[in-house]
């Protein structure tokens, strides 16, 4: 079967490339962008005195944990 694909000129993709075009591959970039925006917004609100230090101390570790969890799960694609 692989020979037929190569003979037909079709490209084969590795699982680590994540170039299959599935919509869920774009979710990681979107999540990262949203988390960066949230982190920046919270930092701005803290600077303006709207968010207290206690709230800030609670939020930023959660953001870091979400980023870490997403990075761990990023290579679990089974479709490509």
PDB file of N, CA and C in Angstrom:
ATOM      1  N   UNK A   1       0.823  -1.187   0.000  1.00  0.00           N
ATOM      2  CA  UNK A   1       0.000   0.000   0.000  1.00  0.00           C
ATOM      3  C   UNK A   1       0.872   1.257   0.000  1.00  0.00           C
ATOM      4  N   UNK A   2       1.937   1.235   0.802  1.00  0.00           N
ATOM      5  CA  UNK A   2       2.828   2.395   0.857  1.00  0.00           C
ATOM      6  C   UNK A   2       3.484   2.623  -0.496  1.00  0.00           C
ATOM      7  N   UNK A   3       3.792   1.538  -1.188  1.00  0.00           N
ATOM      8  CA  UNK A   3       4.401   1.679  -2.513  1.00  0.00           C
ATOM      9  C   UNK A   3       3.440   2.342  -3.487  1.00  0.00           C
ATOM     10  N   UNK A   4       2.166   1.983  -3.386  1.00  0.00           N
ATOM     11  CA  UNK A   4       1.166   2.574  -4.271  1.00  0.00           C
ATOM     12  C   UNK A   4       1.047   4.073  -4.021  1.00  0.00           C
ATOM     13  N   UNK A   5       1.090   4.482  -2.747  1.00  0.00           N
ATOM     14  CA  UNK A   5       1.012   5.909  -2.426  1.00  0.00           C
ATOM     15  C   UNK A   5       2.209   6.659  -2.992  1.00  0.00           C
ATOM     16  N   UNK A   6       3.387   6.085  -2.812  1.00  0.00           N
ATOM     17  CA  UNK A   6       4.584   6.745  -3.328  1.00  0.00           C
ATOM     18  C   UNK A   6       4.559   6.788  -4.848  1.00  0.00           C
ATOM     19  N   UNK A   7       4.079   5.718  -5.449  1.00  0.00           N
ATOM     20  CA  UNK A   7       4.019   5.666  -6.905  1.00  0.00           C
ATOM     21  C   UNK A   7       3.024   6.691  -7.445  1.00  0.00           C
ATOM     22  N   UNK A   8       1.969   6.936  -6.702  1.00  0.00           N
ATOM     23  CA  UNK A   8       0.960   7.895  -7.133  1.00  0.00           C
ATOM     24  C   UNK A   8       1.374   9.331  -6.840  1.00  0.00           C
ATOM     25  N   UNK A   9       2.489   9.510  -6.151  1.00  0.00           N
ATOM     26  CA  UNK A   9       2.976  10.851  -5.860  1.00  0.00           C
ATOM     27  C   UNK A   9       2.390  11.457  -4.603  1.00  0.00           C
ATOM     28  N   UNK A  10       1.711  10.665  -3.780  1.00  0.00           N
ATOM     29  CA  UNK A  10       1.131  11.180  -2.546  1.00  0.00           C
ATOM     30  C   UNK A  10       2.208  11.272  -1.480  1.00  0.00           C
ATOM     31  N   UNK A  11       2.148  12.307  -0.710  1.00  0.00           N
ATOM     32  CA  UNK A  11       3.115  12.490   0.366  1.00  0.00           C
ATOM     33  C   UNK A  11       2.647  11.738   1.604  1.00  0.00           C
ATOM     34  N   UNK A  12       3.597  11.157   2.308  1.00  0.00           N
ATOM     35  CA  UNK A  12       3.285  10.541   3.587  1.00  0.00           C
ATOM     36  C   UNK A  12       3.739  11.490   4.679  1.00  0.00           C
ATOM     37  N   UNK A  13       2.957  11.548   5.763  1.00  0.00           N
ATOM     38  CA  UNK A  13       3.268  12.463   6.855  1.00  0.00           C
ATOM     39  C   UNK A  13       3.581  11.677   8.112  1.00  0.00           C
ATOM     40  N   UNK A  14       4.508  12.185   8.885  1.00  0.00           N
ATOM     41  CA  UNK A  14       4.798  11.560  10.164  1.00  0.00           C
ATOM     42  C   UNK A  14       3.822  12.079  11.204  1.00  0.00           C
ATOM     43  N   UNK A  15       3.627  11.308  12.278  1.00  0.00           N
ATOM     44  CA  UNK A  15       2.709  11.726  13.323  1.00  0.00           C
ATOM     45  C   UNK A  15       3.188  12.964  14.054  1.00  0.00           C
ATOM     46  N   UNK A  16       4.488  13.171  14.126  1.00  0.00           N
ATOM     47  CA  UNK A  16       4.996  14.321  14.871  1.00  0.00           C
ATOM     48  C   UNK A  16       4.892  15.619  14.087  1.00  0.00           C
ATOM     49  N   UNK A  17       4.644  15.540  12.801  1.00  0.00           N
ATOM     50  CA  UNK A  17       4.601  16.750  11.981  1.00  0.00           C
ATOM     51  C   UNK A  17       3.329  17.558  12.213  1.00  0.00           C
ATOM     52  N   UNK A  18       2.215  16.886  12.535  1.00  0.00           N
ATOM     53  CA  UNK A  18       0.928  17.552  12.750  1.00  0.00           C
ATOM     54  C   UNK A  18       0.553  18.451  11.579  1.00  0.00           C
ATOM     55  N   UNK A  19       0.771  17.974  10.378  1.00  0.00           N
ATOM     56  CA  UNK A  19       0.457  18.734   9.181  1.00  0.00           C
ATOM     57  C   UNK A  19      -0.751  18.173   8.446  1.00  0.00           C
ATOM     58  N   UNK A  20      -1.613  17.474   9.146  1.00  0.00           N
ATOM     59  CA  UNK A  20      -2.721  16.816   8.468  1.00  0.00           C
ATOM     60  C   UNK A  20      -3.862  17.767   8.148  1.00  0.00           C
ATOM     61  N   UNK A  21      -3.890  18.943   8.731  1.00  0.00           N
ATOM     62  CA  UNK A  21      -4.947  19.895   8.464  1.00  0.00           C
ATOM     63  C   UNK A  21      -6.168  19.743   9.351  1.00  0.00           C
ATOM     64  N   UNK A  22      -6.099  18.896  10.349  1.00  0.00           N
ATOM     65  CA  UNK A  22      -7.222  18.727  11.270  1.00  0.00           C
ATOM     66  C   UNK A  22      -7.431  20.010  12.070  1.00  0.00           C
ATOM     67  N   UNK A  23      -8.680  20.316  12.348  1.00  0.00           N
ATOM     68  CA  UNK A  23      -8.982  21.566  13.045  1.00  0.00           C
ATOM     69  C   UNK A  23      -8.436  21.590  14.464  1.00  0.00           C
ATOM     70  N   UNK A  24      -8.291  20.443  15.116  1.00  0.00           N
ATOM     71  CA  UNK A  24      -7.826  20.447  16.503  1.00  0.00           C
ATOM     72  C   UNK A  24      -6.350  20.808  16.631  1.00  0.00           C
ATOM     73  N   UNK A  25      -5.583  20.775  15.556  1.00  0.00           N
ATOM     74  CA  UNK A  25      -4.177  21.178  15.629  1.00  0.00           C
ATOM     75  C   UNK A  25      -4.042  22.685  15.801  1.00  0.00           C
ATOM     76  N   UNK A  26      -5.047  23.422  15.406  1.00  0.00           N
ATOM     77  CA  UNK A  26      -5.003  24.870  15.557  1.00  0.00           C
ATOM     78  C   UNK A  26      -5.458  25.301  16.941  1.00  0.00           C
ATOM     79  N   UNK A  27      -6.067  24.412  17.700  1.00  0.00           N
ATOM     80  CA  UNK A  27      -6.540  24.735  19.041  1.00  0.00           C
ATOM     81  C   UNK A  27      -5.413  25.064  19.998  1.00  0.00           C
ATOM     82  N   UNK A  28      -4.271  24.418  19.851  1.00  0.00           N
ATOM     83  CA  UNK A  28      -3.145  24.664  20.753  1.00  0.00           C
ATOM     84  C   UNK A  28      -2.639  26.088  20.607  1.00  0.00           C
ATOM     85  N   UNK A  29      -2.500  26.550  19.390  1.00  0.00           N
ATOM     86  CA  UNK A  29      -2.035  27.918  19.165  1.00  0.00           C
ATOM     87  C   UNK A  29      -3.059  28.922  19.675  1.00  0.00           C
ATOM     88  N   UNK A  30      -4.320  28.621  19.466  1.00  0.00           N
ATOM     89  CA  UNK A  30      -5.375  29.520  19.932  1.00  0.00           C
ATOM     90  C   UNK A  30      -5.409  29.557  21.458  1.00  0.00           C
ATOM     91  N   UNK A  31      -5.291  28.409  22.101  1.00  0.00           N
ATOM     92  CA  UNK A  31      -5.293  28.363  23.561  1.00  0.00           C
ATOM     93  C   UNK A  31      -4.111  29.135  24.121  1.00  0.00           C
ATOM     94  N   UNK A  32      -2.948  28.958  23.542  1.00  0.00           N
ATOM     95  CA  UNK A  32      -1.760  29.667  24.006  1.00  0.00           C
ATOM     96  C   UNK A  32      -1.954  31.177  23.878  1.00  0.00           C
ATOM     97  N   UNK A  33      -2.500  31.617  22.767  1.00  0.00           N
ATOM     98  CA  UNK A  33      -2.730  33.048  22.557  1.00  0.00           C
ATOM     99  C   UNK A  33      -3.728  33.603  23.571  1.00  0.00           C
ATOM    100  N   UNK A  34      -4.786  32.856  23.827  1.00  0.00           N
ATOM    101  CA  UNK A  34      -5.786  33.303  24.800  1.00  0.00           C
ATOM    102  C   UNK A  34      -5.186  33.363  26.198  1.00  0.00           C
ATOM    103  N   UNK A  35      -4.388  32.369  26.566  1.00  0.00           N
ATOM    104  CA  UNK A  35      -3.769  32.375  27.892  1.00  0.00           C
ATOM    105  C   UNK A  35      -2.798  33.537  28.056  1.00  0.00           C
ATOM    106  N   UNK A  36      -2.051  33.850  27.024  1.00  0.00           N
ATOM    107  CA  UNK A  36      -1.144  35.000  27.084  1.00  0.00           C
ATOM    108  C   UNK A  36      -1.947  36.289  27.249  1.00  0.00           C
ATOM    109  N   UNK A  37      -3.052  36.413  26.523  1.00  0.00           N
ATOM    110  CA  UNK A  37      -3.898  37.598  26.664  1.00  0.00           C
ATOM    111  C   UNK A  37      -4.485  37.705  28.070  1.00  0.00           C
ATOM    112  N   UNK A  38      -4.945  36.588  28.616  1.00  0.00           N
ATOM    113  CA  UNK A  38      -5.495  36.598  29.975  1.00  0.00           C
ATOM    114  C   UNK A  38      -4.421  36.978  30.981  1.00  0.00           C
ATOM    115  N   UNK A  39      -3.246  36.404  30.836  1.00  0.00           N
ATOM    116  CA  UNK A  39      -2.142  36.728  31.739  1.00  0.00           C
ATOM    117  C   UNK A  39      -1.807  38.219  31.662  1.00  0.00           C
ATOM    118  N   UNK A  40      -1.748  38.764  30.471  1.00  0.00           N
ATOM    119  CA  UNK A  40      -1.473  40.191  30.302  1.00  0.00           C
ATOM    120  C   UNK A  40      -2.571  41.067  30.879  1.00  0.00           C
ATOM    121  N   UNK A  41      -3.820  40.657  30.690  1.00  0.00           N
ATOM    122  CA  UNK A  41      -4.942  41.415  31.233  1.00  0.00           C
ATOM    123  C   UNK A  41      -4.916  41.420  32.758  1.00  0.00           C
ATOM    124  N   UNK A  42      -4.654  40.262  33.355  1.00  0.00           N
ATOM    125  CA  UNK A  42      -4.580  40.179  34.817  1.00  0.00           C
ATOM    126  C   UNK A  42      -3.429  41.030  35.340  1.00  0.00           C
ATOM    127  N   UNK A  43      -2.293  40.997  34.651  1.00  0.00           N
ATOM    128  CA  UNK A  43      -1.152  41.818  35.065  1.00  0.00           C
ATOM    129  C   UNK A  43      -1.498  43.305  34.971  1.00  0.00           C
ATOM    130  N   UNK A  44      -2.206  43.700  33.917  1.00  0.00           N
ATOM    131  CA  UNK A  44      -2.617  45.093  33.770  1.00  0.00           C
ATOM    132  C   UNK A  44      -3.587  45.497  34.877  1.00  0.00           C
ATOM    133  N   UNK A  45      -4.562  44.640  35.145  1.00  0.00           N
ATOM    134  CA  UNK A  45      -5.526  44.943  36.203  1.00  0.00           C
ATOM    135  C   UNK A  45      -4.855  45.024  37.567  1.00  0.00           C
ATOM    136  N   UNK A  46      -3.829  44.206  37.777  1.00  0.00           N
ATOM    137  CA  UNK A  46      -3.067  44.274  39.029  1.00  0.00           C
ATOM    138  C   UNK A  46      -2.329  45.602  39.120  1.00  0.00           C
ATOM    139  N   UNK A  47      -1.732  46.014  38.025  1.00  0.00           N
ATOM    140  CA  UNK A  47      -1.003  47.284  37.994  1.00  0.00           C
ATOM    141  C   UNK A  47      -1.939  48.465  38.254  1.00  0.00           C
ATOM    142  N   UNK A  48      -3.155  48.383  37.738  1.00  0.00           N
ATOM    143  CA  UNK A  48      -4.132  49.450  37.935  1.00  0.00           C
ATOM    144  C   UNK A  48      -4.797  49.397  39.311  1.00  0.00           C
ATOM    145  N   UNK A  49      -4.532  48.357  40.075  1.00  0.00           N
ATOM    146  CA  UNK A  49      -5.102  48.234  41.414  1.00  0.00           C
ATOM    147  C   UNK A  49      -6.484  47.622  41.446  1.00  0.00           C
ATOM    148  N   UNK A  50      -6.961  47.106  40.323  1.00  0.00           N
ATOM    149  CA  UNK A  50      -8.290  46.502  40.264  1.00  0.00           C
ATOM    150  C   UNK A  50      -8.259  45.075  40.805  1.00  0.00           C
ATOM    151  N   UNK A  51      -7.182  44.351  40.537  1.00  0.00           N
ATOM    152  CA  UNK A  51      -6.993  42.987  41.028  1.00  0.00           C
ATOM    153  C   UNK A  51      -6.005  43.039  42.186  1.00  0.00           C
ATOM    154  N   UNK A  52      -6.336  42.366  43.266  1.00  0.00           N
ATOM    155  CA  UNK A  52      -5.454  42.361  44.434  1.00  0.00           C
ATOM    156  C   UNK A  52      -4.292  41.401  44.228  1.00  0.00           C
ATOM    157  N   UNK A  53      -3.289  41.523  45.063  1.00  0.00           N
ATOM    158  CA  UNK A  53      -2.124  40.636  44.997  1.00  0.00           C
ATOM    159  C   UNK A  53      -2.528  39.184  45.242  1.00  0.00           C
ATOM    160  N   UNK A  54      -3.483  38.960  46.150  1.00  0.00           N
ATOM    161  CA  UNK A  54      -3.931  37.593  46.448  1.00  0.00           C
ATOM    162  C   UNK A  54      -4.575  36.945  45.222  1.00  0.00           C
ATOM    163  N   UNK A  55      -5.382  37.703  44.501  1.00  0.00           N
ATOM    164  CA  UNK A  55      -6.013  37.179  43.286  1.00  0.00           C
ATOM    165  C   UNK A  55      -4.965  36.886  42.222  1.00  0.00           C
ATOM    166  N   UNK A  56      -4.032  37.791  42.057  1.00  0.00           N
ATOM    167  CA  UNK A  56      -2.949  37.613  41.087  1.00  0.00           C
ATOM    168  C   UNK A  56      -2.118  36.378  41.427  1.00  0.00           C
ATOM    169  N   UNK A  57      -1.808  36.211  42.718  1.00  0.00           N
ATOM    170  CA  UNK A  57      -1.029  35.051  43.147  1.00  0.00           C
ATOM    171  C   UNK A  57      -1.773  33.742  42.911  1.00  0.00           C
ATOM    172  N   UNK A  58      -3.084  33.786  42.873  1.00  0.00           N
ATOM    173  CA  UNK A  58      -3.882  32.592  42.603  1.00  0.00           C
ATOM    174  C   UNK A  58      -3.967  32.300  41.105  1.00  0.00           C
ATOM    175  N   UNK A  59      -4.091  33.331  40.286  1.00  0.00           N
ATOM    176  CA  UNK A  59      -4.354  33.145  38.856  1.00  0.00           C
ATOM    177  C   UNK A  59      -3.123  32.718  38.070  1.00  0.00           C
ATOM    178  N   UNK A  60      -1.962  33.312  38.305  1.00  0.00           N
ATOM    179  CA  UNK A  60      -0.833  33.031  37.413  1.00  0.00           C
ATOM    180  C   UNK A  60      -0.354  31.586  37.483  1.00  0.00           C
ATOM    181  N   UNK A  61      -0.346  30.906  38.647  1.00  0.00           N
ATOM    182  CA  UNK A  61       0.051  29.489  38.604  1.00  0.00           C
ATOM    183  C   UNK A  61      -0.942  28.615  37.832  1.00  0.00           C
ATOM    184  N   UNK A  62      -2.213  28.979  37.889  1.00  0.00           N
ATOM    185  CA  UNK A  62      -3.221  28.222  37.139  1.00  0.00           C
ATOM    186  C   UNK A  62      -2.973  28.358  35.640  1.00  0.00           C
ATOM    187  N   UNK A  63      -2.630  29.553  35.198  1.00  0.00           N
ATOM    188  CA  UNK A  63      -2.329  29.771  33.782  1.00  0.00           C
ATOM    189  C   UNK A  63      -1.122  28.940  33.361  1.00  0.00           C
ATOM    190  N   UNK A  64      -0.088  28.916  34.185  1.00  0.00           N
ATOM    191  CA  UNK A  64       1.109  28.122  33.879  1.00  0.00           C
ATOM    192  C   UNK A  64       0.766  26.631  33.818  1.00  0.00           C
ATOM    193  N   UNK A  65      -0.080  26.142  34.728  1.00  0.00           N
ATOM    194  CA  UNK A  65      -0.471  24.728  34.721  1.00  0.00           C
ATOM    195  C   UNK A  65      -1.269  24.377  33.473  1.00  0.00           C
ATOM    196  N   UNK A  66      -2.133  25.263  33.032  1.00  0.00           N
ATOM    197  CA  UNK A  66      -2.914  25.011  31.817  1.00  0.00           C
ATOM    198  C   UNK A  66      -2.001  24.940  30.602  1.00  0.00           C
ATOM    199  N   UNK A  67      -1.035  25.844  30.527  1.00  0.00           N
ATOM    200  CA  UNK A  67      -0.070  25.809  29.421  1.00  0.00           C
ATOM    201  C   UNK A  67       0.707  24.497  29.443  1.00  0.00           C
ATOM    202  N   UNK A  68       1.172  24.082  30.612  1.00  0.00           N
ATOM    203  CA  UNK A  68       1.926  22.832  30.733  1.00  0.00           C
ATOM    204  C   UNK A  68       1.102  21.616  30.347  1.00  0.00           C
ATOM    205  N   UNK A  69      -0.154  21.574  30.791  1.00  0.00           N
ATOM    206  CA  UNK A  69      -1.030  20.448  30.455  1.00  0.00           C
ATOM    207  C   UNK A  69      -1.279  20.388  28.956  1.00  0.00           C
ATOM    208  N   UNK A  70      -1.475  21.537  28.346  1.00  0.00           N
ATOM    209  CA  UNK A  70      -1.703  21.567  26.896  1.00  0.00           C
ATOM    210  C   UNK A  70      -0.463  21.101  26.138  1.00  0.00           C
ATOM    211  N   UNK A  71       0.715  21.476  26.627  1.00  0.00           N
ATOM    212  CA  UNK A  71       1.952  21.035  25.976  1.00  0.00           C
ATOM    213  C   UNK A  71       2.118  19.521  26.094  1.00  0.00           C
ATOM    214  N   UNK A  72       1.732  18.946  27.229  1.00  0.00           N
ATOM    215  CA  UNK A  72       1.821  17.498  27.399  1.00  0.00           C
ATOM    216  C   UNK A  72       0.857  16.766  26.474  1.00  0.00           C
ATOM    217  N   UNK A  73      -0.324  17.298  26.313  1.00  0.00           N
ATOM    218  CA  UNK A  73      -1.348  16.640  25.504  1.00  0.00           C
ATOM    219  C   UNK A  73      -1.235  16.945  24.017  1.00  0.00           C
ATOM    220  N   UNK A  74      -0.386  17.867  23.653  1.00  0.00           N
ATOM    221  CA  UNK A  74      -0.270  18.315  22.268  1.00  0.00           C
ATOM    222  C   UNK A  74       0.153  17.195  21.319  1.00  0.00           C
ATOM    223  N   UNK A  75       0.951  16.257  21.763  1.00  0.00           N
ATOM    224  CA  UNK A  75       1.457  15.196  20.891  1.00  0.00           C
ATOM    225  C   UNK A  75       0.625  13.927  20.966  1.00  0.00           C
ATOM    226  N   UNK A  76      -0.616  14.027  21.418  1.00  0.00           N
ATOM    227  CA  UNK A  76      -1.471  12.851  21.549  1.00  0.00           C
ATOM    228  C   UNK A  76      -2.439  12.690  20.382  1.00  0.00           C
ATOM    229  N   UNK A  77      -2.124  13.211  19.245  1.00  0.00           N
ATOM    230  CA  UNK A  77      -2.998  13.126  18.081  1.00  0.00           C
ATOM    231  C   UNK A  77      -2.991  11.699  17.533  1.00  0.00           C
ATOM    232  N   UNK A  78      -4.162  11.147  17.314  1.00  0.00           N
ATOM    233  CA  UNK A  78      -4.249   9.799  16.759  1.00  0.00           C
ATOM    234  C   UNK A  78      -4.807   9.804  15.337  1.00  0.00           C
ATOM    235  N   UNK A  79      -5.122  10.971  14.819  1.00  0.00           N
ATOM    236  CA  UNK A  79      -5.763  11.022  13.505  1.00  0.00           C
ATOM    237  C   UNK A  79      -4.768  11.133  12.354  1.00  0.00           C
ATOM    238  N   UNK A  80      -3.549  11.535  12.643  1.00  0.00           N
ATOM    239  CA  UNK A  80      -2.632  11.755  11.523  1.00  0.00           C
ATOM    240  C   UNK A  80      -1.334  11.007  11.698  1.00  0.00           C
TER     241      UNK A  80
END
